[in-house]
Amino acid sequence: MRAGRPALAAILALSACSGGQPEGGNRAVPVQGIEAPANVVANSAAAPSRCAPVLTPQLDRESIVAVPADANVDRARLDSLAERAGAAFDAAAERLCDNGKLDPKLLRPFRTLIIQNGSGATEATFYEDPHEFSGEDLIFQWIFAESDLAVPLADDVEAGLLCWAKPNLSECADREP
């Protein structure tokens, strides 16, 4: 079998067990390059247990569009940035948690991941600011606007999150707090 076929087989097997269909019928949703019925995606997404809690990504739009070159950024690009940055954070948190490097209890008080532009923040940085945001917000700062709404590399997101959780690690000495 070619790569990807085992994943398709697993999705189709889950489909048989899912029972029922979402409203509107059996719509196809892309999953890692494979189309799967929406009810399979919904059921399979809820099935695996997670180590790290999921935070809802929310853009600090003023910080992103305050940069003059990006004043006319369209909404779809901004929504895409929120999704991609949230997914990058989520993957990093889950990897660190699964590897025992991040205690999931540290993330449990948070509900929202604020995606904020930080001019000059060339490394992914995480911090809390209960004076500017609620105590349920973790801020993810990077040069999003200056990088044409790109997201930092996975290793950088992971290092930033690890240094937020454990700032006294030797590898965090050169990172901005």
N, C-alpha and C. Protein backbone atom coordinates (compact mmCIF):
# COMPACT_ATOMS: atom_id res chain seq x y z
N MET A 1 0.83 -1.20 0.00
CA MET A 1 0.00 0.00 0.00
C MET A 1 0.86 1.24 0.00
N ARG A 2 0.39 2.27 -0.68
CA ARG A 2 1.09 3.54 -0.68
C ARG A 2 0.87 4.25 0.64
N ALA A 3 1.80 5.20 0.94
CA ALA A 3 1.65 6.02 2.15
C ALA A 3 0.32 6.76 2.06
N GLY A 4 -0.36 6.86 3.15
CA GLY A 4 -1.64 7.55 3.18
C GLY A 4 -2.82 6.58 3.15
N ARG A 5 -2.66 5.42 2.53
CA ARG A 5 -3.76 4.45 2.46
C ARG A 5 -4.13 3.91 3.84
N PRO A 6 -3.16 3.60 4.74
CA PRO A 6 -3.55 3.13 6.07
C PRO A 6 -4.39 4.18 6.81
N ALA A 7 -4.04 5.45 6.64
CA ALA A 7 -4.81 6.50 7.30
C ALA A 7 -6.23 6.55 6.75
N LEU A 8 -6.37 6.38 5.43
CA LEU A 8 -7.69 6.37 4.82
C LEU A 8 -8.50 5.19 5.34
N ALA A 9 -7.85 4.04 5.46
CA ALA A 9 -8.54 2.86 5.98
C ALA A 9 -9.01 3.09 7.41
N ALA A 10 -8.20 3.73 8.20
CA ALA A 10 -8.59 4.02 9.59
C ALA A 10 -9.76 4.99 9.63
N ILE A 11 -9.74 5.97 8.77
CA ILE A 11 -10.84 6.95 8.72
C ILE A 11 -12.13 6.26 8.29
N LEU A 12 -12.04 5.40 7.29
CA LEU A 12 -13.24 4.71 6.83
C LEU A 12 -13.75 3.75 7.90
N ALA A 13 -12.84 3.12 8.65
CA ALA A 13 -13.26 2.24 9.73
C ALA A 13 -13.98 3.03 10.81
N LEU A 14 -13.47 4.19 11.13
CA LEU A 14 -14.14 5.03 12.12
C LEU A 14 -15.50 5.47 11.62
N SER A 15 -15.62 5.69 10.32
CA SER A 15 -16.87 6.13 9.72
C SER A 15 -17.97 5.10 9.98
N ALA A 16 -17.62 3.84 9.89
CA ALA A 16 -18.60 2.79 10.10
C ALA A 16 -19.10 2.76 11.53
N CYS A 17 -18.29 3.22 12.48
CA CYS A 17 -18.64 3.21 13.89
C CYS A 17 -19.28 4.49 14.36
N SER A 18 -19.29 5.52 13.54
CA SER A 18 -19.68 6.84 14.03
C SER A 18 -21.16 6.98 14.24
N GLY A 19 -21.97 6.27 13.49
CA GLY A 19 -23.42 6.36 13.64
C GLY A 19 -23.95 7.73 13.33
N GLY A 20 -24.90 7.83 12.48
CA GLY A 20 -25.51 9.11 12.16
C GLY A 20 -24.62 9.97 11.29
N GLN A 21 -25.22 11.00 10.76
CA GLN A 21 -24.49 11.94 9.93
C GLN A 21 -24.77 13.33 10.43
N PRO A 22 -23.86 14.28 10.16
CA PRO A 22 -24.12 15.65 10.57
C PRO A 22 -25.26 16.22 9.75
N GLU A 23 -25.85 17.31 10.26
CA GLU A 23 -26.87 17.99 9.49
C GLU A 23 -26.31 18.34 8.13
N GLY A 24 -27.14 18.21 7.12
CA GLY A 24 -26.68 18.58 5.79
C GLY A 24 -26.06 17.41 5.05
N GLY A 25 -26.10 16.21 5.63
CA GLY A 25 -25.58 15.05 4.92
C GLY A 25 -24.15 14.73 5.25
N ASN A 26 -23.55 13.93 4.41
CA ASN A 26 -22.22 13.39 4.62
C ASN A 26 -21.21 14.22 3.85
N ARG A 27 -20.92 15.43 4.32
CA ARG A 27 -20.00 16.33 3.63
C ARG A 27 -18.57 15.86 3.78
N ALA A 28 -17.77 16.09 2.76
CA ALA A 28 -16.35 15.72 2.81
C ALA A 28 -15.55 16.86 3.39
N VAL A 29 -14.59 16.52 4.26
CA VAL A 29 -13.70 17.49 4.90
C VAL A 29 -12.28 16.99 4.70
N PRO A 30 -11.35 17.83 4.22
CA PRO A 30 -9.98 17.36 4.03
C PRO A 30 -9.28 17.11 5.36
N VAL A 31 -8.60 15.98 5.46
CA VAL A 31 -7.82 15.63 6.63
C VAL A 31 -6.44 15.21 6.14
N GLN A 32 -5.45 16.03 6.36
CA GLN A 32 -4.08 15.75 5.94
C GLN A 32 -4.04 15.24 4.49
N GLY A 33 -4.70 15.96 3.60
CA GLY A 33 -4.67 15.61 2.20
C GLY A 33 -5.63 14.52 1.79
N ILE A 34 -6.42 14.00 2.72
CA ILE A 34 -7.38 12.94 2.43
C ILE A 34 -8.76 13.49 2.73
N GLU A 35 -9.72 13.23 1.86
CA GLU A 35 -11.07 13.67 2.16
C GLU A 35 -11.76 12.60 2.99
N ALA A 36 -12.42 13.06 4.04
CA ALA A 36 -13.15 12.16 4.91
C ALA A 36 -14.50 12.78 5.21
N PRO A 37 -15.50 11.97 5.47
CA PRO A 37 -16.80 12.52 5.83
C PRO A 37 -16.70 13.38 7.09
N ALA A 38 -17.47 14.46 7.15
CA ALA A 38 -17.41 15.39 8.28
C ALA A 38 -17.68 14.71 9.60
N ASN A 39 -18.62 13.74 9.62
CA ASN A 39 -18.92 13.06 10.89
C ASN A 39 -17.73 12.24 11.38
N VAL A 40 -16.90 11.74 10.47
CA VAL A 40 -15.70 10.98 10.85
C VAL A 40 -14.68 11.93 11.46
N VAL A 41 -14.50 13.08 10.84
CA VAL A 41 -13.55 14.05 11.34
C VAL A 41 -13.96 14.49 12.74
N ALA A 42 -15.23 14.81 12.93
CA ALA A 42 -15.70 15.27 14.24
C ALA A 42 -15.51 14.19 15.29
N ASN A 43 -15.88 12.95 14.97
CA ASN A 43 -15.77 11.87 15.94
C ASN A 43 -14.33 11.48 16.21
N SER A 44 -13.48 11.47 15.18
CA SER A 44 -12.10 11.07 15.38
C SER A 44 -11.31 12.16 16.09
N ALA A 45 -11.70 13.44 15.91
CA ALA A 45 -11.00 14.52 16.58
C ALA A 45 -11.25 14.48 18.07
N ALA A 46 -12.41 14.02 18.48
CA ALA A 46 -12.75 13.98 19.90
C ALA A 46 -12.21 12.71 20.57
N ALA A 47 -11.88 11.69 19.80
CA ALA A 47 -11.51 10.40 20.35
C ALA A 47 -10.19 10.38 21.10
N PRO A 48 -9.08 10.91 20.56
CA PRO A 48 -7.83 10.76 21.28
C PRO A 48 -7.79 11.62 22.54
N SER A 49 -7.20 11.07 23.58
CA SER A 49 -7.06 11.87 24.80
C SER A 49 -5.86 12.80 24.61
N ARG A 50 -5.97 13.95 25.23
CA ARG A 50 -4.93 14.96 25.09
C ARG A 50 -4.20 15.12 26.40
N CYS A 51 -2.97 15.51 26.29
CA CYS A 51 -2.17 15.83 27.47
C CYS A 51 -2.34 17.30 27.81
N ALA A 52 -2.17 18.17 26.81
CA ALA A 52 -2.27 19.62 27.03
C ALA A 52 -3.68 20.10 26.72
N PRO A 53 -4.19 21.03 27.49
CA PRO A 53 -5.52 21.58 27.18
C PRO A 53 -5.48 22.42 25.91
N VAL A 54 -6.60 22.52 25.25
CA VAL A 54 -6.72 23.30 24.02
C VAL A 54 -7.12 24.73 24.38
N LEU A 55 -6.39 25.71 23.83
CA LEU A 55 -6.73 27.11 24.02
C LEU A 55 -7.33 27.65 22.72
N THR A 56 -8.27 28.56 22.83
CA THR A 56 -8.90 29.15 21.66
C THR A 56 -8.04 30.31 21.16
N PRO A 57 -7.55 30.24 19.92
CA PRO A 57 -6.73 31.34 19.40
C PRO A 57 -7.59 32.57 19.08
N GLN A 58 -7.06 33.72 19.45
CA GLN A 58 -7.74 34.99 19.18
C GLN A 58 -6.69 36.02 18.81
N LEU A 59 -6.89 36.68 17.68
CA LEU A 59 -5.93 37.69 17.24
C LEU A 59 -6.09 38.99 18.02
N ASP A 60 -4.96 39.58 18.37
CA ASP A 60 -4.93 40.96 18.83
C ASP A 60 -4.79 41.75 17.52
N ARG A 61 -5.92 41.99 16.86
CA ARG A 61 -5.92 42.57 15.51
C ARG A 61 -5.23 43.92 15.45
N GLU A 62 -5.38 44.71 16.50
CA GLU A 62 -4.75 46.04 16.50
C GLU A 62 -3.24 45.93 16.41
N SER A 63 -2.66 44.93 17.05
CA SER A 63 -1.20 44.80 16.99
C SER A 63 -0.74 44.33 15.61
N ILE A 64 -1.58 43.58 14.92
CA ILE A 64 -1.22 43.05 13.60
C ILE A 64 -1.37 44.14 12.53
N VAL A 65 -2.49 44.83 12.53
CA VAL A 65 -2.75 45.80 11.46
C VAL A 65 -2.21 47.19 11.79
N ALA A 66 -1.63 47.37 12.96
CA ALA A 66 -1.05 48.66 13.33
C ALA A 66 0.22 48.94 12.54
N VAL A 67 0.82 47.88 12.01
CA VAL A 67 2.02 48.06 11.19
C VAL A 67 1.56 48.62 9.86
N PRO A 68 2.04 49.79 9.44
CA PRO A 68 1.52 50.48 8.24
C PRO A 68 1.42 49.61 6.99
N ALA A 69 2.39 48.76 6.75
CA ALA A 69 2.37 47.95 5.54
C ALA A 69 1.21 46.96 5.53
N ASP A 70 0.67 46.64 6.70
CA ASP A 70 -0.39 45.64 6.79
C ASP A 70 -1.74 46.26 7.14
N ALA A 71 -1.90 47.54 6.99
CA ALA A 71 -3.15 48.21 7.36
C ALA A 71 -4.34 47.70 6.56
N ASN A 72 -4.11 47.16 5.37
CA ASN A 72 -5.21 46.69 4.53
C ASN A 72 -5.28 45.17 4.43
N VAL A 73 -4.81 44.46 5.43
CA VAL A 73 -4.83 43.00 5.42
C VAL A 73 -6.28 42.54 5.44
N ASP A 74 -6.61 41.58 4.56
CA ASP A 74 -8.00 41.13 4.51
C ASP A 74 -8.30 40.15 5.64
N ARG A 75 -9.58 40.06 5.97
CA ARG A 75 -10.05 39.26 7.10
C ARG A 75 -9.69 37.77 6.96
N ALA A 76 -9.77 37.23 5.75
CA ALA A 76 -9.46 35.81 5.55
C ALA A 76 -8.01 35.50 5.92
N ARG A 77 -7.10 36.39 5.56
CA ARG A 77 -5.68 36.19 5.91
C ARG A 77 -5.49 36.26 7.42
N LEU A 78 -6.20 37.17 8.07
CA LEU A 78 -6.09 37.28 9.53
C LEU A 78 -6.68 36.04 10.21
N ASP A 79 -7.82 35.58 9.72
CA ASP A 79 -8.41 34.36 10.28
C ASP A 79 -7.49 33.17 10.09
N SER A 80 -6.85 33.09 8.93
CA SER A 80 -5.90 32.02 8.66
C SER A 80 -4.72 32.09 9.63
N LEU A 81 -4.24 33.29 9.90
CA LEU A 81 -3.14 33.45 10.85
C LEU A 81 -3.54 32.93 12.22
N ALA A 82 -4.73 33.28 12.68
CA ALA A 82 -5.19 32.80 13.99
C ALA A 82 -5.23 31.28 14.04
N GLU A 83 -5.75 30.67 12.98
CA GLU A 83 -5.83 29.21 12.93
C GLU A 83 -4.44 28.57 12.91
N ARG A 84 -3.55 29.10 12.07
CA ARG A 84 -2.20 28.52 11.94
C ARG A 84 -1.38 28.71 13.22
N ALA A 85 -1.46 29.90 13.81
CA ALA A 85 -0.71 30.15 15.05
C ALA A 85 -1.27 29.29 16.19
N GLY A 86 -2.59 29.17 16.23
CA GLY A 86 -3.21 28.31 17.25
C GLY A 86 -2.80 26.86 17.08
N ALA A 87 -2.76 26.39 15.84
CA ALA A 87 -2.34 25.01 15.58
C ALA A 87 -0.87 24.80 15.93
N ALA A 88 -0.03 25.78 15.64
CA ALA A 88 1.40 25.67 15.98
C ALA A 88 1.58 25.59 17.49
N PHE A 89 0.84 26.43 18.22
CA PHE A 89 0.90 26.40 19.69
C PHE A 89 0.39 25.05 20.19
N ASP A 90 -0.74 24.62 19.69
CA ASP A 90 -1.36 23.38 20.14
C ASP A 90 -0.42 22.19 19.94
N ALA A 91 0.21 22.12 18.77
CA ALA A 91 1.14 21.02 18.49
C ALA A 91 2.35 21.07 19.42
N ALA A 92 2.87 22.27 19.64
CA ALA A 92 4.04 22.41 20.53
C ALA A 92 3.67 22.02 21.96
N ALA A 93 2.53 22.49 22.43
CA ALA A 93 2.10 22.17 23.80
C ALA A 93 1.90 20.68 23.97
N GLU A 94 1.29 20.05 22.99
CA GLU A 94 1.04 18.62 23.08
C GLU A 94 2.34 17.82 23.05
N ARG A 95 3.28 18.21 22.17
CA ARG A 95 4.59 17.52 22.11
C ARG A 95 5.33 17.65 23.44
N LEU A 96 5.39 18.87 23.96
CA LEU A 96 6.10 19.10 25.24
C LEU A 96 5.43 18.33 26.37
N CYS A 97 4.13 18.33 26.39
CA CYS A 97 3.39 17.63 27.43
C CYS A 97 3.60 16.12 27.32
N ASP A 98 3.46 15.60 26.11
CA ASP A 98 3.66 14.15 25.90
C ASP A 98 5.06 13.70 26.29
N ASN A 99 6.05 14.58 26.10
CA ASN A 99 7.44 14.25 26.43
C ASN A 99 7.80 14.57 27.87
N GLY A 100 6.83 14.98 28.67
CA GLY A 100 7.07 15.27 30.08
C GLY A 100 7.82 16.57 30.33
N LYS A 101 7.90 17.44 29.34
CA LYS A 101 8.63 18.70 29.51
C LYS A 101 7.72 19.85 29.92
N LEU A 102 6.42 19.69 29.77
CA LEU A 102 5.47 20.73 30.11
C LEU A 102 4.37 20.13 30.97
N ASP A 103 4.21 20.66 32.17
CA ASP A 103 3.14 20.22 33.06
C ASP A 103 1.83 20.82 32.55
N PRO A 104 0.86 19.98 32.18
CA PRO A 104 -0.39 20.52 31.64
C PRO A 104 -1.13 21.42 32.63
N LYS A 105 -0.84 21.28 33.92
CA LYS A 105 -1.47 22.13 34.93
C LYS A 105 -1.14 23.61 34.72
N LEU A 106 0.03 23.88 34.12
CA LEU A 106 0.41 25.27 33.86
C LEU A 106 -0.52 25.95 32.85
N LEU A 107 -1.07 25.17 31.93
CA LEU A 107 -1.94 25.73 30.89
C LEU A 107 -3.42 25.72 31.26
N ARG A 108 -3.80 24.96 32.25
CA ARG A 108 -5.22 24.81 32.58
C ARG A 108 -5.93 26.12 32.96
N PRO A 109 -5.27 27.09 33.59
CA PRO A 109 -5.99 28.33 33.91
C PRO A 109 -6.35 29.16 32.68
N PHE A 110 -5.74 28.86 31.55
CA PHE A 110 -5.93 29.67 30.35
C PHE A 110 -7.04 29.11 29.47
N ARG A 111 -7.78 30.01 28.86
CA ARG A 111 -8.83 29.64 27.92
C ARG A 111 -8.51 30.14 26.51
N THR A 112 -7.81 31.26 26.44
CA THR A 112 -7.57 31.92 25.16
C THR A 112 -6.09 32.11 24.92
N LEU A 113 -5.69 31.91 23.68
CA LEU A 113 -4.32 32.19 23.23
C LEU A 113 -4.40 33.46 22.41
N ILE A 114 -3.87 34.55 22.93
CA ILE A 114 -3.88 35.82 22.22
C ILE A 114 -2.69 35.83 21.26
N ILE A 115 -2.97 35.97 19.97
CA ILE A 115 -1.93 36.03 18.94
C ILE A 115 -1.62 37.52 18.74
N GLN A 116 -0.42 37.91 19.11
CA GLN A 116 -0.07 39.33 19.13
C GLN A 116 1.23 39.58 18.37
N ASN A 117 1.22 40.63 17.55
CA ASN A 117 2.45 41.01 16.88
C ASN A 117 3.39 41.65 17.88
N GLY A 118 4.65 41.31 17.80
CA GLY A 118 5.67 41.92 18.64
C GLY A 118 6.82 42.36 17.76
N SER A 119 6.79 43.60 17.33
CA SER A 119 7.88 44.11 16.49
C SER A 119 9.20 43.89 17.19
N GLY A 120 10.08 43.18 16.53
CA GLY A 120 11.39 42.88 17.12
C GLY A 120 11.43 41.55 17.85
N ALA A 121 10.27 40.90 18.07
CA ALA A 121 10.24 39.61 18.76
C ALA A 121 10.55 38.51 17.76
N THR A 122 11.82 38.34 17.45
CA THR A 122 12.22 37.39 16.41
C THR A 122 12.17 35.94 16.88
N GLU A 123 11.93 35.73 18.15
CA GLU A 123 11.72 34.39 18.70
C GLU A 123 10.31 34.33 19.24
N ALA A 124 9.68 33.18 19.11
CA ALA A 124 8.34 33.00 19.66
C ALA A 124 8.41 33.23 21.17
N THR A 125 7.53 34.07 21.66
CA THR A 125 7.52 34.43 23.08
C THR A 125 6.12 34.24 23.63
N PHE A 126 6.04 33.73 24.83
CA PHE A 126 4.76 33.54 25.52
C PHE A 126 4.82 34.24 26.86
N TYR A 127 3.73 34.88 27.23
CA TYR A 127 3.67 35.54 28.53
C TYR A 127 2.22 35.76 28.93
N GLU A 128 2.05 36.14 30.18
CA GLU A 128 0.73 36.47 30.72
C GLU A 128 0.74 37.95 31.08
N ASP A 129 -0.39 38.60 30.88
CA ASP A 129 -0.52 39.99 31.28
C ASP A 129 -1.94 40.23 31.77
N PRO A 130 -2.21 39.90 33.04
CA PRO A 130 -3.58 40.06 33.54
C PRO A 130 -4.03 41.51 33.65
N HIS A 131 -3.10 42.45 33.50
CA HIS A 131 -3.48 43.86 33.55
C HIS A 131 -4.02 44.34 32.20
N GLU A 132 -3.49 43.78 31.11
CA GLU A 132 -3.95 44.18 29.78
C GLU A 132 -5.04 43.24 29.26
N PHE A 133 -4.95 41.98 29.61
CA PHE A 133 -5.92 40.97 29.18
C PHE A 133 -6.47 40.29 30.42
N SER A 134 -7.41 39.37 30.23
CA SER A 134 -7.96 38.65 31.39
C SER A 134 -6.91 37.66 31.92
N GLY A 135 -7.11 37.16 33.09
CA GLY A 135 -6.20 36.17 33.66
C GLY A 135 -6.32 34.82 32.97
N GLU A 136 -7.24 34.70 32.02
CA GLU A 136 -7.43 33.45 31.29
C GLU A 136 -6.77 33.48 29.91
N ASP A 137 -5.91 34.48 29.68
CA ASP A 137 -5.28 34.64 28.38
C ASP A 137 -3.77 34.40 28.47
N LEU A 138 -3.27 33.59 27.55
CA LEU A 138 -1.83 33.43 27.37
C LEU A 138 -1.50 34.14 26.07
N ILE A 139 -0.49 34.98 26.07
CA ILE A 139 -0.14 35.77 24.88
C ILE A 139 1.00 35.10 24.14
N PHE A 140 0.82 34.95 22.84
CA PHE A 140 1.81 34.37 21.93
C PHE A 140 2.25 35.53 21.04
N GLN A 141 3.50 35.95 21.23
CA GLN A 141 4.00 37.11 20.51
C GLN A 141 5.15 36.72 19.59
N TRP A 142 5.12 37.32 18.40
CA TRP A 142 6.17 37.09 17.39
C TRP A 142 6.01 38.18 16.35
N ILE A 143 6.90 38.22 15.38
CA ILE A 143 6.85 39.24 14.32
C ILE A 143 5.88 38.81 13.21
N PHE A 144 4.64 38.56 13.57
CA PHE A 144 3.65 38.10 12.60
C PHE A 144 3.47 39.09 11.46
N ALA A 145 3.28 40.37 11.77
CA ALA A 145 3.04 41.38 10.72
C ALA A 145 4.27 41.54 9.83
N GLU A 146 5.44 41.61 10.43
CA GLU A 146 6.66 41.81 9.66
C GLU A 146 7.06 40.60 8.83
N SER A 147 6.50 39.44 9.14
CA SER A 147 6.83 38.22 8.41
C SER A 147 5.74 37.85 7.40
N ASP A 148 4.94 38.84 6.99
CA ASP A 148 3.86 38.63 6.03
C ASP A 148 2.86 37.59 6.54
N LEU A 149 2.55 37.67 7.84
CA LEU A 149 1.59 36.80 8.52
C LEU A 149 1.99 35.34 8.54
N ALA A 150 3.30 35.09 8.51
CA ALA A 150 3.80 33.72 8.66
C ALA A 150 3.72 33.33 10.14
N VAL A 151 3.97 32.08 10.41
CA VAL A 151 3.99 31.54 11.77
C VAL A 151 5.41 31.03 12.01
N PRO A 152 5.93 31.20 13.23
CA PRO A 152 7.30 30.71 13.47
C PRO A 152 7.40 29.19 13.30
N LEU A 153 8.62 28.73 13.09
CA LEU A 153 8.88 27.30 12.95
C LEU A 153 8.48 26.55 14.22
N ALA A 154 8.12 25.29 14.06
CA ALA A 154 7.66 24.47 15.19
C ALA A 154 8.67 24.44 16.33
N ASP A 155 9.96 24.31 16.01
CA ASP A 155 10.99 24.26 17.06
C ASP A 155 11.03 25.56 17.85
N ASP A 156 10.82 26.69 17.19
CA ASP A 156 10.83 27.98 17.86
C ASP A 156 9.62 28.13 18.77
N VAL A 157 8.46 27.69 18.31
CA VAL A 157 7.25 27.76 19.14
C VAL A 157 7.43 26.87 20.37
N GLU A 158 7.97 25.69 20.16
CA GLU A 158 8.20 24.77 21.27
C GLU A 158 9.21 25.36 22.28
N ALA A 159 10.29 25.93 21.78
CA ALA A 159 11.30 26.54 22.67
C ALA A 159 10.71 27.72 23.44
N GLY A 160 9.92 28.54 22.77
CA GLY A 160 9.29 29.67 23.45
C GLY A 160 8.35 29.23 24.55
N LEU A 161 7.55 28.21 24.27
CA LEU A 161 6.61 27.70 25.26
C LEU A 161 7.35 27.05 26.43
N LEU A 162 8.40 26.29 26.13
CA LEU A 162 9.20 25.67 27.18
C LEU A 162 9.84 26.73 28.07
N CYS A 163 10.36 27.79 27.47
CA CYS A 163 11.00 28.85 28.26
C CYS A 163 10.00 29.67 29.06
N TRP A 164 8.76 29.76 28.60
CA TRP A 164 7.71 30.39 29.40
C TRP A 164 7.44 29.53 30.64
N ALA A 165 7.36 28.22 30.42
CA ALA A 165 7.04 27.30 31.52
C ALA A 165 8.21 27.11 32.48
N LYS A 166 9.43 27.13 31.95
CA LYS A 166 10.63 26.87 32.75
C LYS A 166 11.71 27.89 32.40
N PRO A 167 11.54 29.14 32.81
CA PRO A 167 12.47 30.20 32.39
C PRO A 167 13.91 30.03 32.88
N ASN A 168 14.15 29.20 33.87
CA ASN A 168 15.49 29.03 34.42
C ASN A 168 16.32 27.97 33.69
N LEU A 169 15.77 27.35 32.65
CA LEU A 169 16.55 26.38 31.88
C LEU A 169 17.71 27.09 31.18
N SER A 170 18.83 26.40 31.06
CA SER A 170 20.01 27.02 30.44
C SER A 170 19.73 27.48 29.01
N GLU A 171 18.92 26.71 28.27
CA GLU A 171 18.63 27.10 26.87
C GLU A 171 17.73 28.33 26.78
N CYS A 172 17.22 28.80 27.89
CA CYS A 172 16.35 29.97 27.90
C CYS A 172 17.08 31.25 28.26
N ALA A 173 18.36 31.13 28.61
CA ALA A 173 19.12 32.30 29.09
C ALA A 173 19.19 33.40 28.03
N ASP A 174 19.27 33.04 26.75
CA ASP A 174 19.41 34.03 25.69
C ASP A 174 18.07 34.46 25.07
N ARG A 175 16.99 33.85 25.50
CA ARG A 175 15.67 34.19 24.95
C ARG A 175 15.09 35.36 25.72
N GLU A 176 14.34 36.19 25.02
CA GLU A 176 13.64 37.31 25.66
C GLU A 176 12.53 36.76 26.54
N PRO A 177 12.31 37.34 27.70
CA PRO A 177 11.22 36.85 28.57
C PRO A 177 9.86 37.19 28.02
